[in-house]
Amino acid sequence: MHNCKNLFVKDGACMTSTSTENSSLTFMALTARADNHAFEEMKKGNI
């Protein structure tokens, strides 16, 4: 996937494993951050 441009992983696939804690908030935060980054790059015309 390193050769693919504009690829955003926005779910639990980016985590190598889950702990005993509920990771839902972490997944939501990662999604929000990826969305914000994609939006900013779209405004710049990079995507």
PDB file of N, CA and C in Angstrom:
ATOM      1  N   MET A   1       0.798  -1.191   0.000  1.00  0.00           N
ATOM      2  CA  MET A   1       0.000   0.000   0.000  1.00  0.00           C
ATOM      3  C   MET A   1       0.848   1.266   0.000  1.00  0.00           C
ATOM      4  N   HIS A   2       2.129   1.165   0.261  1.00  0.00           N
ATOM      5  CA  HIS A   2       2.977   2.353   0.304  1.00  0.00           C
ATOM      6  C   HIS A   2       3.095   3.020  -1.059  1.00  0.00           C
ATOM      7  N   ASN A   3       2.848   2.293  -2.129  1.00  0.00           N
ATOM      8  CA  ASN A   3       2.952   2.858  -3.476  1.00  0.00           C
ATOM      9  C   ASN A   3       1.660   3.488  -3.947  1.00  0.00           C
ATOM     10  N   CYS A   4       0.591   3.364  -3.191  1.00  0.00           N
ATOM     11  CA  CYS A   4      -0.714   3.924  -3.573  1.00  0.00           C
ATOM     12  C   CYS A   4      -0.837   5.340  -3.040  1.00  0.00           C
ATOM     13  N   LYS A   5      -1.110   6.275  -3.943  1.00  0.00           N
ATOM     14  CA  LYS A   5      -1.303   7.658  -3.518  1.00  0.00           C
ATOM     15  C   LYS A   5      -2.715   7.834  -2.982  1.00  0.00           C
ATOM     16  N   ASN A   6      -2.843   8.728  -2.011  1.00  0.00           N
ATOM     17  CA  ASN A   6      -4.147   9.112  -1.453  1.00  0.00           C
ATOM     18  C   ASN A   6      -4.915   7.943  -0.861  1.00  0.00           C
ATOM     19  N   LEU A   7      -4.228   7.026  -0.224  1.00  0.00           N
ATOM     20  CA  LEU A   7      -4.874   5.908   0.451  1.00  0.00           C
ATOM     21  C   LEU A   7      -4.975   6.231   1.934  1.00  0.00           C
ATOM     22  N   PHE A   8      -6.173   6.186   2.460  1.00  0.00           N
ATOM     23  CA  PHE A   8      -6.395   6.475   3.872  1.00  0.00           C
ATOM     24  C   PHE A   8      -7.011   5.243   4.520  1.00  0.00           C
ATOM     25  N   VAL A   9      -6.357   4.704   5.537  1.00  0.00           N
ATOM     26  CA  VAL A   9      -6.888   3.576   6.299  1.00  0.00           C
ATOM     27  C   VAL A   9      -7.686   4.171   7.446  1.00  0.00           C
ATOM     28  N   LYS A  10      -8.986   3.893   7.457  1.00  0.00           N
ATOM     29  CA  LYS A  10      -9.854   4.576   8.412  1.00  0.00           C
ATOM     30  C   LYS A  10     -10.647   3.604   9.270  1.00  0.00           C
ATOM     31  N   ASP A  11     -10.057   2.498   9.625  1.00  0.00           N
ATOM     32  CA  ASP A  11     -10.749   1.571  10.511  1.00  0.00           C
ATOM     33  C   ASP A  11      -9.715   0.856  11.358  1.00  0.00           C
ATOM     34  N   GLY A  12     -10.075  -0.233  11.955  1.00  0.00           N
ATOM     35  CA  GLY A  12      -9.179  -0.962  12.834  1.00  0.00           C
ATOM     36  C   GLY A  12      -8.029  -1.660  12.139  1.00  0.00           C
ATOM     37  N   ALA A  13      -7.997  -1.632  10.817  1.00  0.00           N
ATOM     38  CA  ALA A  13      -6.921  -2.299  10.089  1.00  0.00           C
ATOM     39  C   ALA A  13      -5.556  -1.667  10.365  1.00  0.00           C
ATOM     40  N   CYS A  14      -5.548  -0.416  10.800  1.00  0.00           N
ATOM     41  CA  CYS A  14      -4.268   0.243  11.059  1.00  0.00           C
ATOM     42  C   CYS A  14      -3.686  -0.154  12.415  1.00  0.00           C
ATOM     43  N   MET A  15      -4.469  -0.836  13.226  1.00  0.00           N
ATOM     44  CA  MET A  15      -3.990  -1.281  14.537  1.00  0.00           C
ATOM     45  C   MET A  15      -3.444  -2.694  14.416  1.00  0.00           C
ATOM     46  N   THR A  16      -2.269  -2.923  14.966  1.00  0.00           N
ATOM     47  CA  THR A  16      -1.689  -4.254  14.869  1.00  0.00           C
ATOM     48  C   THR A  16      -2.436  -5.259  15.729  1.00  0.00           C
ATOM     49  N   SER A  17      -2.946  -4.821  16.847  1.00  0.00           N
ATOM     50  CA  SER A  17      -3.760  -5.675  17.708  1.00  0.00           C
ATOM     51  C   SER A  17      -4.567  -4.785  18.635  1.00  0.00           C
ATOM     52  N   THR A  18      -5.557  -5.345  19.249  1.00  0.00           N
ATOM     53  CA  THR A  18      -6.344  -4.582  20.209  1.00  0.00           C
ATOM     54  C   THR A  18      -6.016  -5.061  21.608  1.00  0.00           C
ATOM     55  N   SER A  19      -6.099  -4.151  22.520  1.00  0.00           N
ATOM     56  CA  SER A  19      -5.829  -4.506  23.912  1.00  0.00           C
ATOM     57  C   SER A  19      -7.134  -4.938  24.579  1.00  0.00           C
ATOM     58  N   THR A  20      -7.108  -5.019  25.859  1.00  0.00           N
ATOM     59  CA  THR A  20      -8.320  -5.399  26.592  1.00  0.00           C
ATOM     60  C   THR A  20      -9.288  -4.227  26.710  1.00  0.00           C
ATOM     61  N   GLU A  21      -8.840  -3.030  26.333  1.00  0.00           N
ATOM     62  CA  GLU A  21      -9.692  -1.845  26.410  1.00  0.00           C
ATOM     63  C   GLU A  21     -10.506  -1.698  25.132  1.00  0.00           C
ATOM     64  N   ASN A  22     -11.640  -1.033  25.235  1.00  0.00           N
ATOM     65  CA  ASN A  22     -12.463  -0.743  24.073  1.00  0.00           C
ATOM     66  C   ASN A  22     -11.758   0.323  23.235  1.00  0.00           C
ATOM     67  N   SER A  23     -11.509   0.022  21.998  1.00  0.00           N
ATOM     68  CA  SER A  23     -10.743   0.934  21.144  1.00  0.00           C
ATOM     69  C   SER A  23     -11.628   1.742  20.201  1.00  0.00           C
ATOM     70  N   SER A  24     -12.920   1.799  20.422  1.00  0.00           N
ATOM     71  CA  SER A  24     -13.834   2.525  19.533  1.00  0.00           C
ATOM     72  C   SER A  24     -13.489   4.003  19.434  1.00  0.00           C
ATOM     73  N   LEU A  25     -13.162   4.639  20.554  1.00  0.00           N
ATOM     74  CA  LEU A  25     -12.821   6.059  20.519  1.00  0.00           C
ATOM     75  C   LEU A  25     -11.538   6.307  19.741  1.00  0.00           C
ATOM     76  N   THR A  26     -10.589   5.396  19.838  1.00  0.00           N
ATOM     77  CA  THR A  26      -9.358   5.527  19.069  1.00  0.00           C
ATOM     78  C   THR A  26      -9.647   5.440  17.582  1.00  0.00           C
ATOM     79  N   PHE A  27     -10.504   4.497  17.174  1.00  0.00           N
ATOM     80  CA  PHE A  27     -10.854   4.362  15.771  1.00  0.00           C
ATOM     81  C   PHE A  27     -11.580   5.608  15.267  1.00  0.00           C
ATOM     82  N   MET A  28     -12.472   6.156  16.077  1.00  0.00           N
ATOM     83  CA  MET A  28     -13.181   7.372  15.672  1.00  0.00           C
ATOM     84  C   MET A  28     -12.213   8.551  15.546  1.00  0.00           C
ATOM     85  N   ALA A  29     -11.256   8.649  16.448  1.00  0.00           N
ATOM     86  CA  ALA A  29     -10.278   9.731  16.384  1.00  0.00           C
ATOM     87  C   ALA A  29      -9.391   9.597  15.154  1.00  0.00           C
ATOM     88  N   LEU A  30      -8.972   8.381  14.830  1.00  0.00           N
ATOM     89  CA  LEU A  30      -8.157   8.167  13.634  1.00  0.00           C
ATOM     90  C   LEU A  30      -8.938   8.513  12.372  1.00  0.00           C
ATOM     91  N   THR A  31     -10.211   8.172  12.345  1.00  0.00           N
ATOM     92  CA  THR A  31     -11.055   8.491  11.192  1.00  0.00           C
ATOM     93  C   THR A  31     -11.228  10.001  11.055  1.00  0.00           C
ATOM     94  N   ALA A  32     -11.485  10.676  12.158  1.00  0.00           N
ATOM     95  CA  ALA A  32     -11.642  12.131  12.126  1.00  0.00           C
ATOM     96  C   ALA A  32     -10.362  12.802  11.654  1.00  0.00           C
ATOM     97  N   ARG A  33      -9.230  12.323  12.105  1.00  0.00           N
ATOM     98  CA  ARG A  33      -7.953  12.911  11.696  1.00  0.00           C
ATOM     99  C   ARG A  33      -7.683  12.671  10.217  1.00  0.00           C
ATOM    100  N   ALA A  34      -7.962  11.468   9.742  1.00  0.00           N
ATOM    101  CA  ALA A  34      -7.766  11.162   8.319  1.00  0.00           C
ATOM    102  C   ALA A  34      -8.711  11.993   7.459  1.00  0.00           C
ATOM    103  N   ASP A  35      -9.962  12.147   7.894  1.00  0.00           N
ATOM    104  CA  ASP A  35     -10.915  12.962   7.149  1.00  0.00           C
ATOM    105  C   ASP A  35     -10.465  14.414   7.087  1.00  0.00           C
ATOM    106  N   ASN A  36     -10.007  14.939   8.197  1.00  0.00           N
ATOM    107  CA  ASN A  36      -9.535  16.318   8.237  1.00  0.00           C
ATOM    108  C   ASN A  36      -8.335  16.505   7.305  1.00  0.00           C
ATOM    109  N   HIS A  37      -7.416  15.560   7.325  1.00  0.00           N
ATOM    110  CA  HIS A  37      -6.234  15.646   6.456  1.00  0.00           C
ATOM    111  C   HIS A  37      -6.660  15.586   4.987  1.00  0.00           C
ATOM    112  N   ALA A  38      -7.562  14.671   4.639  1.00  0.00           N
ATOM    113  CA  ALA A  38      -8.027  14.552   3.264  1.00  0.00           C
ATOM    114  C   ALA A  38      -8.722  15.837   2.819  1.00  0.00           C
ATOM    115  N   PHE A  39      -9.531  16.418   3.689  1.00  0.00           N
ATOM    116  CA  PHE A  39     -10.225  17.662   3.365  1.00  0.00           C
ATOM    117  C   PHE A  39      -9.239  18.790   3.113  1.00  0.00           C
ATOM    118  N   GLU A  40      -8.228  18.901   3.965  1.00  0.00           N
ATOM    119  CA  GLU A  40      -7.218  19.950   3.788  1.00  0.00           C
ATOM    120  C   GLU A  40      -6.445  19.761   2.488  1.00  0.00           C
ATOM    121  N   GLU A  41      -6.123  18.516   2.153  1.00  0.00           N
ATOM    122  CA  GLU A  41      -5.405  18.247   0.913  1.00  0.00           C
ATOM    123  C   GLU A  41      -6.296  18.523  -0.302  1.00  0.00           C
ATOM    124  N   MET A  42      -7.597  18.271  -0.178  1.00  0.00           N
ATOM    125  CA  MET A  42      -8.514  18.593  -1.279  1.00  0.00           C
ATOM    126  C   MET A  42      -8.601  20.098  -1.490  1.00  0.00           C
ATOM    127  N   LYS A  43      -8.591  20.868  -0.400  1.00  0.00           N
ATOM    128  CA  LYS A  43      -8.623  22.328  -0.521  1.00  0.00           C
ATOM    129  C   LYS A  43      -7.375  22.844  -1.217  1.00  0.00           C
ATOM    130  N   LYS A  44      -6.245  22.194  -1.006  1.00  0.00           N
ATOM    131  CA  LYS A  44      -4.984  22.582  -1.642  1.00  0.00           C
ATOM    132  C   LYS A  44      -4.895  22.098  -3.081  1.00  0.00           C
ATOM    133  N   GLY A  45      -5.802  21.195  -3.474  1.00  0.00           N
ATOM    134  CA  GLY A  45      -5.767  20.650  -4.828  1.00  0.00           C
ATOM    135  C   GLY A  45      -4.828  19.479  -4.993  1.00  0.00           C
ATOM    136  N   ASN A  46      -4.391  18.897  -3.905  1.00  0.00           N
ATOM    137  CA  ASN A  46      -3.460  17.768  -3.969  1.00  0.00           C
ATOM    138  C   ASN A  46      -4.161  16.435  -4.171  1.00  0.00           C
ATOM    139  N   ILE A  47      -5.448  16.403  -3.954  1.00  0.00           N
ATOM    140  CA  ILE A  47      -6.224  15.162  -4.135  1.00  0.00           C
ATOM    141  C   ILE A  47      -7.262  15.402  -5.201  1.00  0.00           C
TER     142      ILE A  47
END
